[in-house]
Amino acid sequence: MLAFTTFIISFSNFQKKNRIFLNCQLLLDSSLLFYYSLIFSIFFKLILS
């Protein structure tokens, strides 16, 4: 989980540095991150239950 959060932080830092990304690409990446976090939360709820 720590590696996942570090990946998100470094990924967002990389996006801030690189301004070539289009707005739709940023939107796609943020929605992908949202879906990944949603899947991870469901996964952890299944483990803990």
N, C-alpha and C. Protein backbone atom coordinates (compact mmCIF):
# COMPACT_ATOMS: atom_id res chain seq x y z
N MET A 1 0.85 -1.20 0.00
CA MET A 1 0.00 0.00 0.00
C MET A 1 0.88 1.25 0.00
N LEU A 2 1.98 1.18 0.73
CA LEU A 2 2.91 2.32 0.77
C LEU A 2 3.53 2.55 -0.60
N ALA A 3 3.86 1.46 -1.27
CA ALA A 3 4.44 1.59 -2.62
C ALA A 3 3.41 2.19 -3.58
N PHE A 4 2.15 1.85 -3.39
CA PHE A 4 1.10 2.38 -4.26
C PHE A 4 0.94 3.89 -4.08
N THR A 5 0.96 4.34 -2.82
CA THR A 5 0.84 5.78 -2.56
C THR A 5 2.07 6.53 -3.06
N THR A 6 3.25 5.92 -2.90
CA THR A 6 4.47 6.55 -3.43
C THR A 6 4.40 6.66 -4.94
N PHE A 7 3.84 5.64 -5.57
CA PHE A 7 3.68 5.67 -7.02
C PHE A 7 2.75 6.81 -7.44
N ILE A 8 1.64 6.98 -6.72
CA ILE A 8 0.69 8.05 -7.04
C ILE A 8 1.36 9.42 -6.87
N ILE A 9 2.12 9.58 -5.78
CA ILE A 9 2.78 10.87 -5.51
C ILE A 9 3.80 11.17 -6.59
N SER A 10 4.63 10.20 -6.94
CA SER A 10 5.65 10.43 -7.97
C SER A 10 4.99 10.63 -9.33
N PHE A 11 3.87 9.93 -9.57
CA PHE A 11 3.17 10.07 -10.83
C PHE A 11 2.59 11.48 -10.98
N SER A 12 2.00 12.01 -9.90
CA SER A 12 1.44 13.36 -9.95
C SER A 12 2.55 14.40 -10.06
N ASN A 13 3.69 14.14 -9.41
CA ASN A 13 4.83 15.06 -9.54
C ASN A 13 5.34 15.07 -10.98
N PHE A 14 5.36 13.91 -11.60
CA PHE A 14 5.80 13.82 -12.99
C PHE A 14 4.84 14.58 -13.90
N GLN A 15 3.55 14.50 -13.62
CA GLN A 15 2.57 15.22 -14.42
C GLN A 15 2.71 16.73 -14.24
N LYS A 16 3.04 17.17 -13.02
CA LYS A 16 3.21 18.60 -12.79
C LYS A 16 4.41 19.13 -13.56
N LYS A 17 5.47 18.32 -13.62
CA LYS A 17 6.68 18.77 -14.31
C LYS A 17 6.48 18.77 -15.82
N ASN A 18 5.72 17.84 -16.31
CA ASN A 18 5.56 17.71 -17.76
C ASN A 18 4.26 18.37 -18.19
N ARG A 19 4.37 19.55 -18.79
CA ARG A 19 3.18 20.32 -19.18
C ARG A 19 2.70 19.96 -20.59
N ILE A 20 3.33 18.96 -21.22
CA ILE A 20 2.94 18.59 -22.58
C ILE A 20 1.63 17.80 -22.56
N PHE A 21 1.30 17.22 -21.40
CA PHE A 21 0.07 16.43 -21.29
C PHE A 21 -1.15 17.26 -21.67
N LEU A 22 -2.03 16.68 -22.43
CA LEU A 22 -3.29 17.35 -22.75
C LEU A 22 -4.25 17.23 -21.58
N ASN A 23 -5.27 18.10 -21.58
CA ASN A 23 -6.24 18.07 -20.50
C ASN A 23 -7.02 16.77 -20.48
N CYS A 24 -7.33 16.23 -21.65
CA CYS A 24 -8.07 14.97 -21.69
C CYS A 24 -7.21 13.84 -21.16
N GLN A 25 -5.89 13.91 -21.41
CA GLN A 25 -4.99 12.88 -20.89
C GLN A 25 -4.93 12.95 -19.37
N LEU A 26 -4.89 14.16 -18.82
CA LEU A 26 -4.90 14.33 -17.37
C LEU A 26 -6.20 13.81 -16.77
N LEU A 27 -7.30 14.09 -17.45
CA LEU A 27 -8.59 13.63 -16.98
C LEU A 27 -8.66 12.11 -16.99
N LEU A 28 -8.14 11.51 -18.05
CA LEU A 28 -8.12 10.05 -18.16
C LEU A 28 -7.28 9.44 -17.05
N ASP A 29 -6.10 10.03 -16.79
CA ASP A 29 -5.22 9.50 -15.75
C ASP A 29 -5.86 9.62 -14.37
N SER A 30 -6.51 10.75 -14.10
CA SER A 30 -7.13 10.92 -12.78
C SER A 30 -8.29 9.96 -12.59
N SER A 31 -9.06 9.70 -13.66
CA SER A 31 -10.16 8.74 -13.54
C SER A 31 -9.62 7.33 -13.36
N LEU A 32 -8.50 7.03 -14.02
CA LEU A 32 -7.88 5.72 -13.83
C LEU A 32 -7.40 5.55 -12.40
N LEU A 33 -6.79 6.60 -11.84
CA LEU A 33 -6.36 6.54 -10.45
C LEU A 33 -7.55 6.36 -9.52
N PHE A 34 -8.67 7.01 -9.85
CA PHE A 34 -9.88 6.87 -9.04
C PHE A 34 -10.38 5.42 -9.07
N TYR A 35 -10.41 4.83 -10.27
CA TYR A 35 -10.88 3.45 -10.37
C TYR A 35 -9.94 2.49 -9.68
N TYR A 36 -8.62 2.74 -9.76
CA TYR A 36 -7.67 1.88 -9.06
C TYR A 36 -7.86 1.94 -7.56
N SER A 37 -8.06 3.15 -7.02
CA SER A 37 -8.26 3.28 -5.58
C SER A 37 -9.58 2.64 -5.16
N LEU A 38 -10.59 2.74 -6.02
CA LEU A 38 -11.87 2.10 -5.73
C LEU A 38 -11.71 0.58 -5.68
N ILE A 39 -11.01 0.02 -6.65
CA ILE A 39 -10.77 -1.42 -6.68
C ILE A 39 -9.98 -1.85 -5.46
N PHE A 40 -8.95 -1.06 -5.08
CA PHE A 40 -8.15 -1.40 -3.91
C PHE A 40 -8.97 -1.36 -2.64
N SER A 41 -9.87 -0.38 -2.50
CA SER A 41 -10.68 -0.29 -1.29
C SER A 41 -11.64 -1.47 -1.19
N ILE A 42 -12.24 -1.86 -2.32
CA ILE A 42 -13.12 -3.03 -2.33
C ILE A 42 -12.34 -4.29 -1.99
N PHE A 43 -11.12 -4.38 -2.54
CA PHE A 43 -10.26 -5.53 -2.29
C PHE A 43 -9.92 -5.65 -0.81
N PHE A 44 -9.56 -4.52 -0.18
CA PHE A 44 -9.22 -4.54 1.24
C PHE A 44 -10.44 -4.84 2.10
N LYS A 45 -11.62 -4.36 1.69
CA LYS A 45 -12.84 -4.67 2.45
C LYS A 45 -13.13 -6.16 2.38
N LEU A 46 -12.88 -6.79 1.23
CA LEU A 46 -13.09 -8.23 1.10
C LEU A 46 -12.11 -9.00 1.97
N ILE A 47 -10.88 -8.51 2.08
CA ILE A 47 -9.88 -9.19 2.90
C ILE A 47 -10.23 -9.06 4.39
N LEU A 48 -10.64 -7.87 4.79
CA LEU A 48 -10.88 -7.62 6.21
C LEU A 48 -12.19 -8.22 6.71
N SER A 49 -13.11 -8.48 5.81
CA SER A 49 -14.40 -9.01 6.26
C SER A 49 -14.34 -10.51 6.56
